[in-house]
C-alpha atoms as a PDB file:
ATOM      1  CA  MET A   1      20.032   2.387   1.688  1.00  0.00           C
ATOM      2  CA  LEU A   2      18.173   0.723   4.540  1.00  0.00           C
ATOM      3  CA  ALA A   3      15.698  -1.988   3.718  1.00  0.00           C
ATOM      4  CA  GLY A   4      14.181  -4.936   5.510  1.00  0.00           C
ATOM      5  CA  HIS A   5      14.598  -8.211   3.679  1.00  0.00           C
ATOM      6  CA  ALA A   6      12.613 -11.340   4.421  1.00  0.00           C
ATOM      7  CA  THR A   7      13.706 -14.315   2.315  1.00  0.00           C
ATOM      8  CA  LEU A   8      11.081 -16.999   2.231  1.00  0.00           C
ATOM      9  CA  TRP A   9      11.766 -20.500   0.881  1.00  0.00           C
ATOM     10  CA  LEU A  10       8.857 -22.783   0.423  1.00  0.00           C
ATOM     11  CA  GLY A  11       9.210 -26.182   1.963  1.00  0.00           C
ATOM     12  CA  ALA A  12       7.016 -29.239   2.335  1.00  0.00           C
ATOM     13  CA  VAL A  13       3.519 -29.238   0.890  1.00  0.00           C
ATOM     14  CA  ALA A  14       2.288 -30.852   4.092  1.00  0.00           C
ATOM     15  CA  ALA A  15       3.080 -27.705   6.019  1.00  0.00           C
ATOM     16  CA  MET A  16       0.257 -25.971   4.162  1.00  0.00           C
ATOM     17  CA  GLY A  17      -2.264 -28.835   4.406  1.00  0.00           C
ATOM     18  CA  CYS A  18      -4.420 -30.416   1.704  1.00  0.00           C
ATOM     19  CA  ALA A  19      -5.875 -28.563  -1.285  1.00  0.00           C
ATOM     20  CA  VAL A  20      -9.278 -28.794  -2.901  1.00  0.00           C
ATOM     21  CA  ALA A  21      -9.635 -30.596  -6.190  1.00  0.00           C
ATOM     22  CA  ASP A  22      -9.852 -27.566  -8.478  1.00  0.00           C
ATOM     23  CA  GLN A  23      -6.719 -25.913  -7.124  1.00  0.00           C
ATOM     24  CA  PRO A  24      -4.178 -25.111  -9.882  1.00  0.00           C
ATOM     25  CA  PRO A  25      -1.330 -27.655  -9.866  1.00  0.00           C
ATOM     26  CA  ARG A  26       1.617 -26.840  -7.644  1.00  0.00           C
ATOM     27  CA  LEU A  27       4.851 -26.668  -9.525  1.00  0.00           C
ATOM     28  CA  PRO A  28       8.055 -28.085  -8.040  1.00  0.00           C
ATOM     29  CA  PRO A  29      10.711 -25.604  -6.887  1.00  0.00           C
ATOM     30  CA  THR A  30      13.012 -24.570  -9.700  1.00  0.00           C
ATOM     31  CA  SER A  31      16.605 -23.442  -9.832  1.00  0.00           C
ATOM     32  CA  GLY A  32      15.560 -20.231 -11.559  1.00  0.00           C
ATOM     33  CA  GLU A  33      16.101 -16.733 -10.261  1.00  0.00           C
ATOM     34  CA  PRO A  34      14.138 -15.970  -7.056  1.00  0.00           C
ATOM     35  CA  LEU A  35      11.251 -13.565  -7.417  1.00  0.00           C
ATOM     36  CA  GLN A  36      11.745 -10.424  -5.347  1.00  0.00           C
ATOM     37  CA  PHE A  37       8.686  -8.343  -4.468  1.00  0.00           C
ATOM     38  CA  GLY A  38       8.756  -4.966  -2.776  1.00  0.00           C
ATOM     39  CA  LEU A  39       6.425  -3.763  -0.033  1.00  0.00           C
ATOM     40  CA  ILE A  40       5.559  -0.149   0.723  1.00  0.00           C
ATOM     41  CA  PRO A  41       5.904   0.938   4.385  1.00  0.00           C
ATOM     42  CA  GLU A  42       2.180   1.200   5.077  1.00  0.00           C
ATOM     43  CA  GLN A  43       2.767  -0.180   8.567  1.00  0.00           C
ATOM     44  CA  ASN A  44       5.920  -0.803  10.563  1.00  0.00           C
ATOM     45  CA  ILE A  45       8.222  -3.502   9.223  1.00  0.00           C
ATOM     46  CA  PHE A  46       7.110  -6.173  11.701  1.00  0.00           C
ATOM     47  CA  ASN A  47       3.406  -5.717  10.944  1.00  0.00           C
ATOM     48  CA  GLN A  48       4.099  -5.775   7.223  1.00  0.00           C
ATOM     49  CA  LEU A  49       6.070  -9.013   7.461  1.00  0.00           C
ATOM     50  CA  GLU A  50       3.421 -10.631   9.645  1.00  0.00           C
ATOM     51  CA  ARG A  51       0.798  -9.835   7.029  1.00  0.00           C
ATOM     52  CA  TYR A  52       2.676 -10.618   3.817  1.00  0.00           C
ATOM     53  CA  GLU A  53       4.928 -13.573   4.720  1.00  0.00           C
ATOM     54  CA  PRO A  54       2.156 -16.206   4.625  1.00  0.00           C
ATOM     55  CA  LEU A  55       0.941 -14.830   1.287  1.00  0.00           C
ATOM     56  CA  ALA A  56       4.467 -14.956  -0.145  1.00  0.00           C
ATOM     57  CA  LEU A  57       4.890 -18.533   1.079  1.00  0.00           C
ATOM     58  CA  TYR A  58       1.655 -19.647  -0.532  1.00  0.00           C
ATOM     59  CA  LEU A  59       2.213 -17.760  -3.771  1.00  0.00           C
ATOM     60  CA  GLY A  60       5.739 -19.090  -4.160  1.00  0.00           C
ATOM     61  CA  GLN A  61       4.548 -22.617  -3.565  1.00  0.00           C
ATOM     62  CA  GLN A  62       2.034 -22.286  -6.362  1.00  0.00           C
ATOM     63  CA  VAL A  63       4.427 -20.839  -8.948  1.00  0.00           C
ATOM     64  CA  GLY A  64       7.411 -22.989  -7.980  1.00  0.00           C
ATOM     65  CA  ARG A  65       9.852 -20.155  -7.308  1.00  0.00           C
ATOM     66  CA  LYS A  66      11.709 -18.814  -4.317  1.00  0.00           C
ATOM     67  CA  ILE A  67      10.075 -15.612  -3.003  1.00  0.00           C
ATOM     68  CA  THR A  68      11.951 -12.716  -1.460  1.00  0.00           C
ATOM     69  CA  LEU A  69      10.219  -9.729   0.144  1.00  0.00           C
ATOM     70  CA  MET A  70      11.916  -6.364   0.395  1.00  0.00           C
ATOM     71  CA  ILE A  71      10.306  -3.903   2.789  1.00  0.00           C
ATOM     72  CA  LEU A  72      11.416  -0.389   2.028  1.00  0.00           C
ATOM     73  CA  PRO A  73      11.632   2.424   4.579  1.00  0.00           C
ATOM     74  CA  ARG A  74      10.107   4.996   2.212  1.00  0.00           C
ATOM     75  CA  TYR A  75       7.358   4.901  -0.407  1.00  0.00           C
ATOM     76  CA  GLY A  76       9.391   6.585  -3.139  1.00  0.00           C
ATOM     77  CA  ASN A  77      12.227   4.092  -2.723  1.00  0.00           C
ATOM     78  CA  ILE A  78      10.085   1.293  -4.072  1.00  0.00           C
ATOM     79  CA  ILE A  79      10.240   2.925  -7.504  1.00  0.00           C
ATOM     80  CA  ASP A  80      13.997   3.513  -7.382  1.00  0.00           C
ATOM     81  CA  ASN A  81      14.606  -0.035  -6.161  1.00  0.00           C
ATOM     82  CA  PHE A  82      12.942  -1.592  -9.174  1.00  0.00           C
ATOM     83  CA  LYS A  83      16.132  -0.598 -10.949  1.00  0.00           C
ATOM     84  CA  SER A  84      18.784  -0.756  -8.242  1.00  0.00           C
ATOM     85  CA  GLU A  85      17.586  -3.987  -6.568  1.00  0.00           C
ATOM     86  CA  GLY A  86      16.125  -5.744  -9.606  1.00  0.00           C
ATOM     87  CA  LEU A  87      12.631  -6.162  -8.185  1.00  0.00           C
ATOM     88  CA  HIS A  88      10.275  -8.335 -10.189  1.00  0.00           C
ATOM     89  CA  GLY A  89       7.126  -6.819  -8.713  1.00  0.00           C
ATOM     90  CA  ALA A  90       5.680  -4.949  -5.781  1.00  0.00           C
ATOM     91  CA  PHE A  91       2.504  -4.424  -3.809  1.00  0.00           C
ATOM     92  CA  PHE A  92       1.930  -0.786  -4.715  1.00  0.00           C
ATOM     93  CA  GLY A  93      -0.389   1.751  -3.173  1.00  0.00           C
ATOM     94  CA  SER A  94      -2.632   3.563  -5.634  1.00  0.00           C
ATOM     95  CA  PHE A  95      -0.386   6.608  -6.146  1.00  0.00           C
ATOM     96  CA  THR A  96       2.860   4.619  -6.166  1.00  0.00           C
ATOM     97  CA  TYR A  97       1.407   2.325  -8.835  1.00  0.00           C
ATOM     98  CA  VAL A  98       0.425   5.236 -11.066  1.00  0.00           C
ATOM     99  CA  LEU A  99       3.933   6.652 -10.635  1.00  0.00           C
ATOM    100  CA  ALA A 100       5.649   3.304 -11.258  1.00  0.00           C
ATOM    101  CA  HIS A 101       3.506   2.591 -14.314  1.00  0.00           C
ATOM    102  CA  ALA A 102       4.421   5.983 -15.780  1.00  0.00           C
ATOM    103  CA  LYS A 103       8.126   5.772 -14.907  1.00  0.00           C
ATOM    104  CA  LEU A 104       8.852   2.040 -15.195  1.00  0.00           C
ATOM    105  CA  GLY A 105       6.024   0.497 -17.216  1.00  0.00           C
ATOM    106  CA  VAL A 106       5.023  -2.023 -14.529  1.00  0.00           C
ATOM    107  CA  GLU A 107       1.604  -3.638 -14.993  1.00  0.00           C
ATOM    108  CA  VAL A 108      -0.902  -4.296 -12.214  1.00  0.00           C
ATOM    109  CA  VAL A 109      -2.428  -7.790 -11.960  1.00  0.00           C
ATOM    110  CA  ALA A 110      -4.535  -8.167  -8.797  1.00  0.00           C
ATOM    111  CA  ARG A 111      -5.603  -6.614  -5.500  1.00  0.00           C
ATOM    112  CA  PRO A 112      -7.371  -8.018  -2.424  1.00  0.00           C
ATOM    113  CA  LEU A 113     -11.086  -7.893  -1.730  1.00  0.00           C
ATOM    114  CA  SER A 114     -11.347  -7.288   1.998  1.00  0.00           C
ATOM    115  CA  LEU A 115     -13.551  -9.115   4.470  1.00  0.00           C
ATOM    116  CA  ASP A 116     -16.056  -6.226   4.335  1.00  0.00           C
ATOM    117  CA  ASN A 117     -16.367  -6.583   0.516  1.00  0.00           C
ATOM    118  CA  SER A 118     -14.230  -3.537  -0.260  1.00  0.00           C
ATOM    119  CA  SER A 119     -11.267  -3.390  -2.642  1.00  0.00           C
ATOM    120  CA  MET A 120     -10.920   0.377  -2.349  1.00  0.00           C
ATOM    121  CA  TYR A 121      -9.833   2.855   0.307  1.00  0.00           C
ATOM    122  CA  ARG A 122     -10.064   6.570   1.073  1.00  0.00           C
ATOM    123  CA  GLY A 123      -7.596   9.054   2.398  1.00  0.00           C
ATOM    124  CA  LEU A 124      -8.526  10.806   5.639  1.00  0.00           C
ATOM    125  CA  MET A 125      -7.443  14.083   7.226  1.00  0.00           C
ATOM    126  CA  PHE A 126      -7.944  14.157  10.980  1.00  0.00           C
ATOM    127  CA  THR A 127      -7.189  16.037  14.176  1.00  0.00           C
ATOM    128  CA  ARG A 128      -7.746  15.657  17.907  1.00  0.00           C
ATOM    129  CA  ARG A 129     -11.302  16.487  18.943  1.00  0.00           C
ATOM    130  CA  ALA A 130      -9.947  18.780  21.626  1.00  0.00           C
ATOM    131  CA  SER A 131      -7.751  20.730  19.187  1.00  0.00           C
ATOM    132  CA  GLY A 132     -10.557  23.014  18.030  1.00  0.00           C
ATOM    133  CA  ILE A 133      -9.389  22.574  14.411  1.00  0.00           C
ATOM    134  CA  ARG A 134     -12.307  22.118  12.029  1.00  0.00           C
ATOM    135  CA  SER A 135     -11.363  24.090   8.898  1.00  0.00           C
ATOM    136  CA  CYS A 136      -8.434  25.117   6.732  1.00  0.00           C
ATOM    137  CA  ALA A 137      -8.371  28.510   8.474  1.00  0.00           C
ATOM    138  CA  ASP A 138      -7.868  26.705  11.788  1.00  0.00           C
ATOM    139  CA  MET A 139      -4.779  24.946  10.387  1.00  0.00           C
ATOM    140  CA  ARG A 140      -2.783  28.119   9.858  1.00  0.00           C
ATOM    141  CA  GLY A 141       0.430  27.924  11.858  1.00  0.00           C
ATOM    142  CA  LYS A 142      -0.213  24.310  12.899  1.00  0.00           C
ATOM    143  CA  ARG A 143       1.892  21.168  12.560  1.00  0.00           C
ATOM    144  CA  PHE A 144       0.823  18.624   9.905  1.00  0.00           C
ATOM    145  CA  ALA A 145       1.871  14.955   9.696  1.00  0.00           C
ATOM    146  CA  PHE A 146       1.919  13.771   6.079  1.00  0.00           C
ATOM    147  CA  VAL A 147       2.935  10.189   5.236  1.00  0.00           C
ATOM    148  CA  ASP A 148       5.028  10.461   2.061  1.00  0.00           C
ATOM    149  CA  ARG A 149       4.979  12.409  -1.206  1.00  0.00           C
ATOM    150  CA  ALA A 150       4.237   9.149  -3.064  1.00  0.00           C
ATOM    151  CA  THR A 151       0.923   8.401  -1.304  1.00  0.00           C
ATOM    152  CA  THR A 152      -2.655   9.231  -2.239  1.00  0.00           C
ATOM    153  CA  ALA A 153      -3.989   9.314   1.308  1.00  0.00           C
ATOM    154  CA  GLY A 154      -0.884  10.679   2.998  1.00  0.00           C
ATOM    155  CA  TYR A 155      -0.029  13.501   0.604  1.00  0.00           C
ATOM    156  CA  LEU A 156      -2.215  13.890  -2.493  1.00  0.00           C
ATOM    157  CA  LEU A 157      -5.367  14.391  -0.377  1.00  0.00           C
ATOM    158  CA  PRO A 158      -3.976  17.209   1.797  1.00  0.00           C
ATOM    159  CA  LEU A 159      -2.218  18.739  -1.219  1.00  0.00           C
ATOM    160  CA  ARG A 160      -5.535  19.022  -3.061  1.00  0.00           C
ATOM    161  CA  TYR A 161      -7.239  20.227   0.118  1.00  0.00           C
ATOM    162  CA  PHE A 162      -4.831  23.138   0.539  1.00  0.00           C
ATOM    163  CA  GLN A 163      -4.951  23.931  -3.185  1.00  0.00           C
ATOM    164  CA  ALA A 164      -8.754  24.076  -3.040  1.00  0.00           C
ATOM    165  CA  HIS A 165      -8.422  26.622  -0.230  1.00  0.00           C
ATOM    166  CA  GLN A 166      -5.831  28.551  -2.257  1.00  0.00           C
ATOM    167  CA  VAL A 167      -3.000  28.215   0.243  1.00  0.00           C
ATOM    168  CA  GLU A 168       0.542  26.867  -0.055  1.00  0.00           C
ATOM    169  CA  TRP A 169       1.066  24.432   2.782  1.00  0.00           C
ATOM    170  CA  THR A 170       4.833  24.987   2.956  1.00  0.00           C
ATOM    171  CA  THR A 171       4.263  28.577   4.119  1.00  0.00           C
ATOM    172  CA  TYR A 172       0.765  28.282   5.598  1.00  0.00           C
ATOM    173  CA  LEU A 173       1.670  25.672   8.200  1.00  0.00           C
ATOM    174  CA  LYS A 174       4.110  26.081  11.042  1.00  0.00           C
ATOM    175  CA  GLU A 175       5.560  22.744   9.953  1.00  0.00           C
ATOM    176  CA  GLY A 176       4.692  19.916   7.603  1.00  0.00           C
ATOM    177  CA  TYR A 177       6.702  16.714   7.893  1.00  0.00           C
ATOM    178  CA  PHE A 178       6.598  13.157   6.578  1.00  0.00           C
ATOM    179  CA  ALA A 179       5.927  10.486   9.192  1.00  0.00           C
ATOM    180  CA  GLY A 180       6.897   7.692   6.774  1.00  0.00           C
ATOM    181  CA  THR A 181       3.964   5.366   7.528  1.00  0.00           C
ATOM    182  CA  HIS A 182       0.208   5.733   7.891  1.00  0.00           C
ATOM    183  CA  GLU A 183       0.475   4.302  11.394  1.00  0.00           C
ATOM    184  CA  GLY A 184       3.069   6.927  12.254  1.00  0.00           C
ATOM    185  CA  ALA A 185       0.924   9.842  11.069  1.00  0.00           C
ATOM    186  CA  ILE A 186      -2.082   8.597  13.044  1.00  0.00           C
ATOM    187  CA  SER A 187      -0.045   7.998  16.196  1.00  0.00           C
ATOM    188  CA  ASP A 188       1.628  11.414  15.963  1.00  0.00           C
ATOM    189  CA  VAL A 189      -1.716  13.236  15.904  1.00  0.00           C
ATOM    190  CA  LEU A 190      -3.170  11.025  18.630  1.00  0.00           C
ATOM    191  CA  ASN A 191      -0.192  11.671  20.884  1.00  0.00           C
ATOM    192  CA  GLY A 192       0.008  15.417  20.207  1.00  0.00           C
ATOM    193  CA  MET A 193       3.189  15.466  18.133  1.00  0.00           C
ATOM    194  CA  ALA A 194       1.184  16.912  15.236  1.00  0.00           C
ATOM    195  CA  ASP A 195      -2.023  18.945  15.141  1.00  0.00           C
ATOM    196  CA  VAL A 196      -3.425  17.470  11.911  1.00  0.00           C
ATOM    197  CA  GLY A 197      -2.558  14.359   9.916  1.00  0.00           C
ATOM    198  CA  ALA A 198      -3.475  12.347   6.836  1.00  0.00           C
ATOM    199  CA  ALA A 199      -3.599   8.560   6.339  1.00  0.00           C
ATOM    200  CA  LYS A 200      -5.556   5.652   4.819  1.00  0.00           C
ATOM    201  CA  ASN A 201      -8.974   4.908   6.288  1.00  0.00           C
ATOM    202  CA  THR A 202      -8.169   1.174   6.324  1.00  0.00           C
ATOM    203  CA  VAL A 203      -5.147   1.706   8.574  1.00  0.00           C
ATOM    204  CA  PHE A 204      -7.087   4.243  10.663  1.00  0.00           C
ATOM    205  CA  ASN A 205      -9.928   1.746  11.188  1.00  0.00           C
ATOM    206  CA  ARG A 206      -7.557  -1.129  11.939  1.00  0.00           C
ATOM    207  CA  MET A 207      -5.736   0.922  14.557  1.00  0.00           C
ATOM    208  CA  ALA A 208      -9.038   2.193  15.994  1.00  0.00           C
ATOM    209  CA  ALA A 209     -10.211  -1.390  16.501  1.00  0.00           C
ATOM    210  CA  ALA A 210      -7.123  -2.044  18.630  1.00  0.00           C
ATOM    211  CA  ASP A 211      -6.997   1.325  20.426  1.00  0.00           C
ATOM    212  CA  PRO A 212     -10.325   2.902  21.519  1.00  0.00           C
ATOM    213  CA  ARG A 213      -8.555   6.255  22.010  1.00  0.00           C
ATOM    214  CA  ILE A 214      -8.446   6.776  18.246  1.00  0.00           C
ATOM    215  CA  GLU A 215     -12.224   6.723  17.826  1.00  0.00           C
ATOM    216  CA  LYS A 216     -12.743   8.690  21.024  1.00  0.00           C
ATOM    217  CA  GLU A 217     -10.076  11.375  20.618  1.00  0.00           C
ATOM    218  CA  LEU A 218      -9.717  11.903  16.854  1.00  0.00           C
ATOM    219  CA  VAL A 219     -12.159  13.457  14.396  1.00  0.00           C
ATOM    220  CA  VAL A 220     -12.081  13.187  10.580  1.00  0.00           C
ATOM    221  CA  LEU A 221     -12.043  16.509   8.712  1.00  0.00           C
ATOM    222  CA  GLU A 222     -11.800  15.479   5.045  1.00  0.00           C
ATOM    223  CA  GLN A 223     -11.894  12.396   2.805  1.00  0.00           C
ATOM    224  CA  SER A 224     -10.456  11.617  -0.629  1.00  0.00           C
ATOM    225  CA  PRO A 225     -12.256   9.813  -3.477  1.00  0.00           C
ATOM    226  CA  GLU A 226     -12.077   6.003  -3.342  1.00  0.00           C
ATOM    227  CA  VAL A 227      -8.951   4.507  -4.934  1.00  0.00           C
ATOM    228  CA  PRO A 228      -7.743   0.893  -5.365  1.00  0.00           C
ATOM    229  CA  GLU A 229      -6.293  -0.975  -2.396  1.00  0.00           C
ATOM    230  CA  ASN A 230      -2.625  -2.034  -2.522  1.00  0.00           C
ATOM    231  CA  ALA A 231      -2.177  -4.230  -5.597  1.00  0.00           C
ATOM    232  CA  LEU A 232       0.540  -6.467  -6.998  1.00  0.00           C
ATOM    233  CA  ALA A 233       2.174  -5.173 -10.178  1.00  0.00           C
ATOM    234  CA  LEU A 234       4.889  -6.958 -12.158  1.00  0.00           C
ATOM    235  CA  ARG A 235       7.685  -5.544 -14.257  1.00  0.00           C
ATOM    236  CA  LYS A 236       7.048  -5.450 -17.985  1.00  0.00           C
ATOM    237  CA  ASP A 237       9.944  -7.711 -19.009  1.00  0.00           C
ATOM    238  CA  LEU A 238       9.045 -10.607 -16.700  1.00  0.00           C
ATOM    239  CA  ASP A 239       8.572 -13.931 -18.501  1.00  0.00           C
ATOM    240  CA  PRO A 240       4.903 -13.849 -19.637  1.00  0.00           C
ATOM    241  CA  SER A 241       4.334 -17.458 -18.543  1.00  0.00           C
ATOM    242  CA  LEU A 242       5.631 -16.645 -15.064  1.00  0.00           C
ATOM    243  CA  SER A 243       3.488 -13.504 -14.865  1.00  0.00           C
ATOM    244  CA  SER A 244       0.458 -15.602 -15.814  1.00  0.00           C
ATOM    245  CA  ARG A 245       1.223 -18.192 -13.119  1.00  0.00           C
ATOM    246  CA  VAL A 246       1.544 -15.500 -10.456  1.00  0.00           C
ATOM    247  CA  LYS A 247      -1.710 -13.857 -11.508  1.00  0.00           C
ATOM    248  CA  GLU A 248      -3.580 -17.157 -11.710  1.00  0.00           C
ATOM    249  CA  ALA A 249      -2.340 -18.253  -8.284  1.00  0.00           C
ATOM    250  CA  LEU A 250      -3.629 -15.029  -6.715  1.00  0.00           C
ATOM    251  CA  LEU A 251      -6.998 -15.099  -8.471  1.00  0.00           C
ATOM    252  CA  ARG A 252      -7.666 -18.763  -7.621  1.00  0.00           C
ATOM    253  CA  MET A 253      -6.327 -19.023  -4.083  1.00  0.00           C
ATOM    254  CA  HIS A 254      -9.785 -18.618  -2.514  1.00  0.00           C
ATOM    255  CA  LEU A 255     -10.742 -21.920  -4.209  1.00  0.00           C
ATOM    256  CA  ASP A 256      -8.067 -23.775  -2.236  1.00  0.00           C
ATOM    257  CA  ALA A 257      -8.463 -24.682   1.451  1.00  0.00           C
ATOM    258  CA  ASN A 258      -4.884 -23.602   2.208  1.00  0.00           C
ATOM    259  CA  GLY A 259      -5.304 -20.450   0.178  1.00  0.00           C
ATOM    260  CA  LYS A 260      -8.441 -19.524   2.136  1.00  0.00           C
ATOM    261  CA  LYS A 261      -6.516 -19.820   5.405  1.00  0.00           C
ATOM    262  CA  VAL A 262      -3.794 -17.521   4.082  1.00  0.00           C
ATOM    263  CA  LEU A 263      -6.414 -15.046   2.891  1.00  0.00           C
ATOM    264  CA  GLU A 264      -8.049 -14.998   6.321  1.00  0.00           C
ATOM    265  CA  ARG A 265      -4.713 -14.105   7.930  1.00  0.00           C
ATOM    266  CA  PHE A 266      -4.171 -11.464   5.262  1.00  0.00           C
ATOM    267  CA  GLY A 267      -7.597  -9.965   5.943  1.00  0.00           C
ATOM    268  CA  ALA A 268      -9.142 -10.663   2.543  1.00  0.00           C
ATOM    269  CA  GLN A 269     -11.810 -12.840   0.946  1.00  0.00           C
ATOM    270  CA  ARG A 270      -9.928 -13.244  -2.324  1.00  0.00           C
ATOM    271  CA  PHE A 271      -7.876 -11.382  -4.921  1.00  0.00           C
ATOM    272  CA  ILE A 272      -9.601  -9.720  -7.858  1.00  0.00           C
ATOM    273  CA  GLU A 273      -8.258  -8.839 -11.296  1.00  0.00           C
ATOM    274  CA  THR A 274      -7.035  -5.253 -11.519  1.00  0.00           C
ATOM    275  CA  THR A 275      -6.240  -3.107 -14.559  1.00  0.00           C
ATOM    276  CA  ASN A 276      -5.031   0.408 -15.290  1.00  0.00           C
ATOM    277  CA  ALA A 277      -8.640   1.507 -15.768  1.00  0.00           C
ATOM    278  CA  ASP A 278      -9.169   1.057 -12.024  1.00  0.00           C
ATOM    279  CA  TYR A 279      -6.805   3.979 -11.368  1.00  0.00           C
ATOM    280  CA  ALA A 280      -8.808   6.624 -13.242  1.00  0.00           C
ATOM    281  CA  ALA A 281      -9.729   8.387  -9.987  1.00  0.00           C
ATOM    282  CA  VAL A 282      -6.065   8.625  -8.963  1.00  0.00           C
ATOM    283  CA  LEU A 283      -5.074  10.074 -12.321  1.00  0.00           C
ATOM    284  CA  LYS A 284      -7.931  12.576 -12.185  1.00  0.00           C
ATOM    285  CA  TYR A 285      -7.006  13.586  -8.633  1.00  0.00           C
ATOM    286  CA  ALA A 286      -3.340  14.016  -9.617  1.00  0.00           C
ATOM    287  CA  ALA A 287      -4.284  16.024 -12.714  1.00  0.00           C
ATOM    288  CA  GLU A 288      -6.392  18.349 -10.565  1.00  0.00           C
ATOM    289  CA  ALA A 289      -3.298  18.827  -8.403  1.00  0.00           C
ATOM    290  CA  GLN A 290      -1.361  19.657 -11.598  1.00  0.00           C
ATOM    291  CA  LEU A 291       1.069  16.761 -11.168  1.00  0.00           C
ATOM    292  CA  ASP A 292       2.789  15.157 -14.164  1.00  0.00           C
ATOM    293  CA  MET A 293       3.315  11.496 -13.274  1.00  0.00           C
ATOM    294  CA  ALA A 294       6.266  11.089 -15.654  1.00  0.00           C
ATOM    295  CA  THR A 295       8.227  13.956 -14.076  1.00  0.00           C
ATOM    296  CA  TYR A 296       6.786  14.171 -10.545  1.00  0.00           C
ATOM    297  CA  ASP A 297       9.469  14.385  -7.821  1.00  0.00           C
ATOM    298  CA  TYR A 298       8.166  11.890  -5.264  1.00  0.00           C
ATOM    299  CA  LEU A 299      11.130  12.015  -2.879  1.00  0.00           C
ATOM    300  CA  ASN A 300      10.628  13.728   0.469  1.00  0.00           C
ATOM    301  CA  ASP A 301      13.985  15.501   0.544  1.00  0.00           C
END
């Protein structure tokens, strides 16, 4: 199974600068088992590493443990790899967390509050402005770029959309395929490889800021309800004291000068406490799609 691994060992405190007085005490590195966290393939592997490496460095420094990141090539694999790779936690998307909680019992602890004061996102369905597609009827016989069966934005949204219009996408479309990442689905529609696509609005907006063609050439057709942004969840049998240290380090990092710098690079103001109650909209959306989280087949093939 392919996976990108980035092993991060936390070195000198001076490399991160000085901390403010109320920062939680930094614990010395231990000889204990490294913590291994999984990342979903929201973006390509290089963009994911660039975003999460500084956070992993800071977090590991605070809890006194070696941090290993595993970037997985498919959303569904992050659930399987909790068992096969012995992951201690993962930054789950909203749908993958609901699945992992149901199948593995992992518990969410925190998610980022973005620079625009949002901790939620929406799924979008979009097409090229010039395509002439504006309704479900216009999608008949077209090519659709999903992201993955284990995503809210990249699969659950279009699934509910087609169900609401009483059509089965597998026969209604000429082709429906899984691009693997939100970036991939957006790029495929922009470049004409697909007629319609689905992805997260946060990724869509981030790409649009870097490429004016996206705003100019694509039009949004449908949106999902708001659901929680990618959040860190930890496995249920992790040492409770270690789980508490991880959670506390995330929730307090905005109080530390070094933590604030890491948050700026990550694109967040701070991390906020997150609980299962925050996923009510995802569960409702999945129930409307008649999906049983405990038995749902999230693999693409």
